[in-house]
Amino acid sequence: MKLRDARLTLLVNEDQINIEVEDCAASTVFLRLKLTPEQFTRALSRQAFVKCDSGEVFHLDRVGKKQEHKTLEFPLPKDLGYGKRKEAASAAVLERCPEGWIPDNYFSSQNSFFDKDGEPWARCTIRRYVELGED
């Protein structure tokens, strides 16, 4: 698989070097390596197969795809107390989210809750990852 827009982040400090690789089209970091300064120096001096302190790969199902996102707005039950809004919204978004989309399930921004025609509503961002077309 060839990535169209890959980016590398290299963070160096006295105790540890962190390397992250991101697929920008998918807005996803999928590889994270941690090295000691000694391991990093060996890699820079062209030594092959240098061991790392740790390595982690994740979100491989998103790599090579494009992230799409949009806002989902949905009604909430009436007569909710202020303290129960987040809990109710978290449950309601799972029921109303279209198939193939993933809700952020974040309801702490000032725009998360609003009234529509006098009824309580909530909104959050939903995301999905779609195959990229051929160039």
C-alpha atoms as a PDB file:
ATOM      1  CA  MET A   1       0.000   0.000   0.000  1.00  0.00           C
ATOM      2  CA  LYS A   2       1.298   3.440  -0.890  1.00  0.00           C
ATOM      3  CA  LEU A   3       0.232   6.446   1.177  1.00  0.00           C
ATOM      4  CA  ARG A   4      -0.566   9.650  -0.701  1.00  0.00           C
ATOM      5  CA  ASP A   5       0.104  11.986   2.201  1.00  0.00           C
ATOM      6  CA  ALA A   6       2.258  10.481   4.936  1.00  0.00           C
ATOM      7  CA  ARG A   7       3.892  12.592   7.634  1.00  0.00           C
ATOM      8  CA  LEU A   8       6.516  11.895  10.250  1.00  0.00           C
ATOM      9  CA  THR A   9       6.870  13.480  13.665  1.00  0.00           C
ATOM     10  CA  LEU A  10      10.170  13.112  15.501  1.00  0.00           C
ATOM     11  CA  LEU A  11      10.283  14.403  19.086  1.00  0.00           C
ATOM     12  CA  VAL A  12      13.695  14.267  20.758  1.00  0.00           C
ATOM     13  CA  ASN A  13      14.441  14.943  24.408  1.00  0.00           C
ATOM     14  CA  GLU A  14      17.149  13.844  26.855  1.00  0.00           C
ATOM     15  CA  ASP A  15      15.538  10.574  27.915  1.00  0.00           C
ATOM     16  CA  GLN A  16      13.449   9.398  24.989  1.00  0.00           C
ATOM     17  CA  ILE A  17      12.830   9.819  21.273  1.00  0.00           C
ATOM     18  CA  ASN A  18       9.246   9.477  20.003  1.00  0.00           C
ATOM     19  CA  ILE A  19       8.529   8.789  16.352  1.00  0.00           C
ATOM     20  CA  GLU A  20       5.005   8.894  14.922  1.00  0.00           C
ATOM     21  CA  VAL A  21       3.847   8.171  11.378  1.00  0.00           C
ATOM     22  CA  GLU A  22       0.525   9.615  10.226  1.00  0.00           C
ATOM     23  CA  ASP A  23      -1.692   8.975   7.218  1.00  0.00           C
ATOM     24  CA  CYS A  24      -2.972  12.531   6.720  1.00  0.00           C
ATOM     25  CA  ALA A  25      -5.864  11.594   4.418  1.00  0.00           C
ATOM     26  CA  ALA A  26      -7.251   9.436   7.218  1.00  0.00           C
ATOM     27  CA  SER A  27      -6.130  11.897   9.931  1.00  0.00           C
ATOM     28  CA  THR A  28      -4.697   8.876  11.724  1.00  0.00           C
ATOM     29  CA  VAL A  29      -1.417   8.197  13.476  1.00  0.00           C
ATOM     30  CA  PHE A  30      -0.843   4.485  12.939  1.00  0.00           C
ATOM     31  CA  LEU A  31       2.741   3.890  14.093  1.00  0.00           C
ATOM     32  CA  ARG A  32       4.408   5.061  17.282  1.00  0.00           C
ATOM     33  CA  LEU A  33       7.978   4.117  18.236  1.00  0.00           C
ATOM     34  CA  LYS A  34       9.918   4.984  21.385  1.00  0.00           C
ATOM     35  CA  LEU A  35      13.701   4.823  21.432  1.00  0.00           C
ATOM     36  CA  THR A  36      16.446   5.611  23.903  1.00  0.00           C
ATOM     37  CA  PRO A  37      19.049   8.168  22.830  1.00  0.00           C
ATOM     38  CA  GLU A  38      21.493   5.290  22.303  1.00  0.00           C
ATOM     39  CA  GLN A  39      19.074   3.396  20.042  1.00  0.00           C
ATOM     40  CA  PHE A  40      18.351   6.573  18.093  1.00  0.00           C
ATOM     41  CA  THR A  41      22.064   7.260  17.619  1.00  0.00           C
ATOM     42  CA  ARG A  42      22.595   3.723  16.293  1.00  0.00           C
ATOM     43  CA  ALA A  43      19.763   4.202  13.783  1.00  0.00           C
ATOM     44  CA  LEU A  44      21.173   7.558  12.662  1.00  0.00           C
ATOM     45  CA  SER A  45      24.573   5.935  12.134  1.00  0.00           C
ATOM     46  CA  ARG A  46      22.895   3.558   9.646  1.00  0.00           C
ATOM     47  CA  GLN A  47      22.858   0.470  11.844  1.00  0.00           C
ATOM     48  CA  ALA A  48      20.067  -1.819  10.634  1.00  0.00           C
ATOM     49  CA  PHE A  49      17.375  -3.489  12.759  1.00  0.00           C
ATOM     50  CA  VAL A  50      17.918  -1.367  15.863  1.00  0.00           C
ATOM     51  CA  LYS A  51      15.708  -2.534  18.723  1.00  0.00           C
ATOM     52  CA  CYS A  52      13.216  -0.008  20.069  1.00  0.00           C
ATOM     53  CA  ASP A  53      12.038   0.490  23.647  1.00  0.00           C
ATOM     54  CA  SER A  54       8.499   0.067  22.365  1.00  0.00           C
ATOM     55  CA  GLY A  55       6.545   0.006  19.145  1.00  0.00           C
ATOM     56  CA  GLU A  56       2.826   0.271  18.619  1.00  0.00           C
ATOM     57  CA  VAL A  57       0.673   0.050  15.502  1.00  0.00           C
ATOM     58  CA  PHE A  58      -3.014   0.871  15.552  1.00  0.00           C
ATOM     59  CA  HIS A  59      -5.905   2.007  13.350  1.00  0.00           C
ATOM     60  CA  LEU A  60      -4.557  -0.059  10.461  1.00  0.00           C
ATOM     61  CA  ASP A  61      -8.132  -0.412   9.187  1.00  0.00           C
ATOM     62  CA  ARG A  62      -8.070   3.365   8.500  1.00  0.00           C
ATOM     63  CA  VAL A  63      -4.716   3.543   6.702  1.00  0.00           C
ATOM     64  CA  GLY A  64      -5.035   4.276   2.998  1.00  0.00           C
ATOM     65  CA  LYS A  65      -8.552   5.655   3.407  1.00  0.00           C
ATOM     66  CA  LYS A  66      -9.962   9.155   3.656  1.00  0.00           C
ATOM     67  CA  GLN A  67     -11.703  10.458   6.740  1.00  0.00           C
ATOM     68  CA  GLU A  68     -15.072  12.111   6.233  1.00  0.00           C
ATOM     69  CA  HIS A  69     -16.888  13.900   9.027  1.00  0.00           C
ATOM     70  CA  LYS A  70     -20.154  15.714   9.509  1.00  0.00           C
ATOM     71  CA  THR A  71     -22.387  16.956  12.302  1.00  0.00           C
ATOM     72  CA  LEU A  72     -25.252  14.829  13.571  1.00  0.00           C
ATOM     73  CA  GLU A  73     -28.103  16.614  15.341  1.00  0.00           C
ATOM     74  CA  PHE A  74     -30.757  14.674  17.230  1.00  0.00           C
ATOM     75  CA  PRO A  75     -33.564  15.263  19.753  1.00  0.00           C
ATOM     76  CA  LEU A  76     -33.207  14.446  23.434  1.00  0.00           C
ATOM     77  CA  PRO A  77     -35.888  13.305  25.848  1.00  0.00           C
ATOM     78  CA  LYS A  78     -37.857  16.126  27.444  1.00  0.00           C
ATOM     79  CA  ASP A  79     -37.559  17.052  31.111  1.00  0.00           C
ATOM     80  CA  LEU A  80     -33.881  16.128  31.453  1.00  0.00           C
ATOM     81  CA  GLY A  81     -31.987  17.749  34.254  1.00  0.00           C
ATOM     82  CA  TYR A  82     -28.833  19.651  33.332  1.00  0.00           C
ATOM     83  CA  GLY A  83     -26.640  16.933  34.867  1.00  0.00           C
ATOM     84  CA  LYS A  84     -28.230  14.137  32.824  1.00  0.00           C
ATOM     85  CA  ARG A  85     -27.820  15.713  29.372  1.00  0.00           C
ATOM     86  CA  LYS A  86     -24.418  14.196  28.550  1.00  0.00           C
ATOM     87  CA  GLU A  87     -25.508  10.712  29.610  1.00  0.00           C
ATOM     88  CA  ALA A  88     -28.719  10.940  27.591  1.00  0.00           C
ATOM     89  CA  ALA A  89     -26.890  12.317  24.545  1.00  0.00           C
ATOM     90  CA  SER A  90     -24.284   9.522  24.699  1.00  0.00           C
ATOM     91  CA  ALA A  91     -27.031   6.913  24.608  1.00  0.00           C
ATOM     92  CA  ALA A  92     -29.119   8.689  21.961  1.00  0.00           C
ATOM     93  CA  VAL A  93     -26.230   9.239  19.529  1.00  0.00           C
ATOM     94  CA  LEU A  94     -25.511   5.502  19.424  1.00  0.00           C
ATOM     95  CA  GLU A  95     -29.123   4.835  18.427  1.00  0.00           C
ATOM     96  CA  ARG A  96     -29.241   7.580  15.781  1.00  0.00           C
ATOM     97  CA  CYS A  97     -25.787   7.337  14.217  1.00  0.00           C
ATOM     98  CA  PRO A  98     -25.982   6.046  10.614  1.00  0.00           C
ATOM     99  CA  GLU A  99     -24.406   2.670   9.902  1.00  0.00           C
ATOM    100  CA  GLY A 100     -20.709   2.886   9.060  1.00  0.00           C
ATOM    101  CA  TRP A 101     -20.230   6.142  10.979  1.00  0.00           C
ATOM    102  CA  ILE A 102     -18.513   6.533  14.361  1.00  0.00           C
ATOM    103  CA  PRO A 103     -19.731   9.238  16.782  1.00  0.00           C
ATOM    104  CA  ASP A 104     -17.147  11.290  18.670  1.00  0.00           C
ATOM    105  CA  ASN A 105     -19.451  11.057  21.697  1.00  0.00           C
ATOM    106  CA  TYR A 106     -18.124  14.390  22.968  1.00  0.00           C
ATOM    107  CA  PHE A 107     -20.724  16.644  24.529  1.00  0.00           C
ATOM    108  CA  SER A 108     -18.675  19.257  26.413  1.00  0.00           C
ATOM    109  CA  SER A 109     -18.525  22.115  23.905  1.00  0.00           C
ATOM    110  CA  GLN A 110     -20.813  25.118  24.187  1.00  0.00           C
ATOM    111  CA  ASN A 111     -22.598  24.043  20.990  1.00  0.00           C
ATOM    112  CA  SER A 112     -23.311  20.453  22.076  1.00  0.00           C
ATOM    113  CA  PHE A 113     -26.811  21.234  23.357  1.00  0.00           C
ATOM    114  CA  PHE A 114     -29.442  23.569  21.942  1.00  0.00           C
ATOM    115  CA  ASP A 115     -33.189  24.116  21.710  1.00  0.00           C
ATOM    116  CA  LYS A 116     -35.088  23.569  18.481  1.00  0.00           C
ATOM    117  CA  ASP A 117     -38.725  24.632  18.476  1.00  0.00           C
ATOM    118  CA  GLY A 118     -38.634  24.594  22.279  1.00  0.00           C
ATOM    119  CA  GLU A 119     -37.373  21.002  22.456  1.00  0.00           C
ATOM    120  CA  PRO A 120     -33.923  19.881  23.702  1.00  0.00           C
ATOM    121  CA  TRP A 121     -31.482  18.700  21.019  1.00  0.00           C
ATOM    122  CA  ALA A 122     -27.829  17.664  20.936  1.00  0.00           C
ATOM    123  CA  ARG A 123     -25.130  17.588  18.281  1.00  0.00           C
ATOM    124  CA  CYS A 124     -21.791  15.916  17.811  1.00  0.00           C
ATOM    125  CA  THR A 125     -19.356  15.085  15.052  1.00  0.00           C
ATOM    126  CA  ILE A 126     -19.552  11.701  13.360  1.00  0.00           C
ATOM    127  CA  ARG A 127     -16.778  10.192  11.226  1.00  0.00           C
ATOM    128  CA  ARG A 128     -16.229   7.421   8.737  1.00  0.00           C
ATOM    129  CA  TYR A 129     -13.324   6.179   6.657  1.00  0.00           C
ATOM    130  CA  VAL A 130     -13.862   5.575   2.950  1.00  0.00           C
ATOM    131  CA  GLU A 131     -11.682   4.055   0.254  1.00  0.00           C
ATOM    132  CA  LEU A 132      -9.711   6.548  -1.821  1.00  0.00           C
ATOM    133  CA  GLY A 133     -10.402   6.578  -5.537  1.00  0.00           C
ATOM    134  CA  GLU A 134      -7.683   5.780  -8.041  1.00  0.00           C
ATOM    135  CA  ASP A 135      -5.742   8.713  -9.542  1.00  0.00           C
END
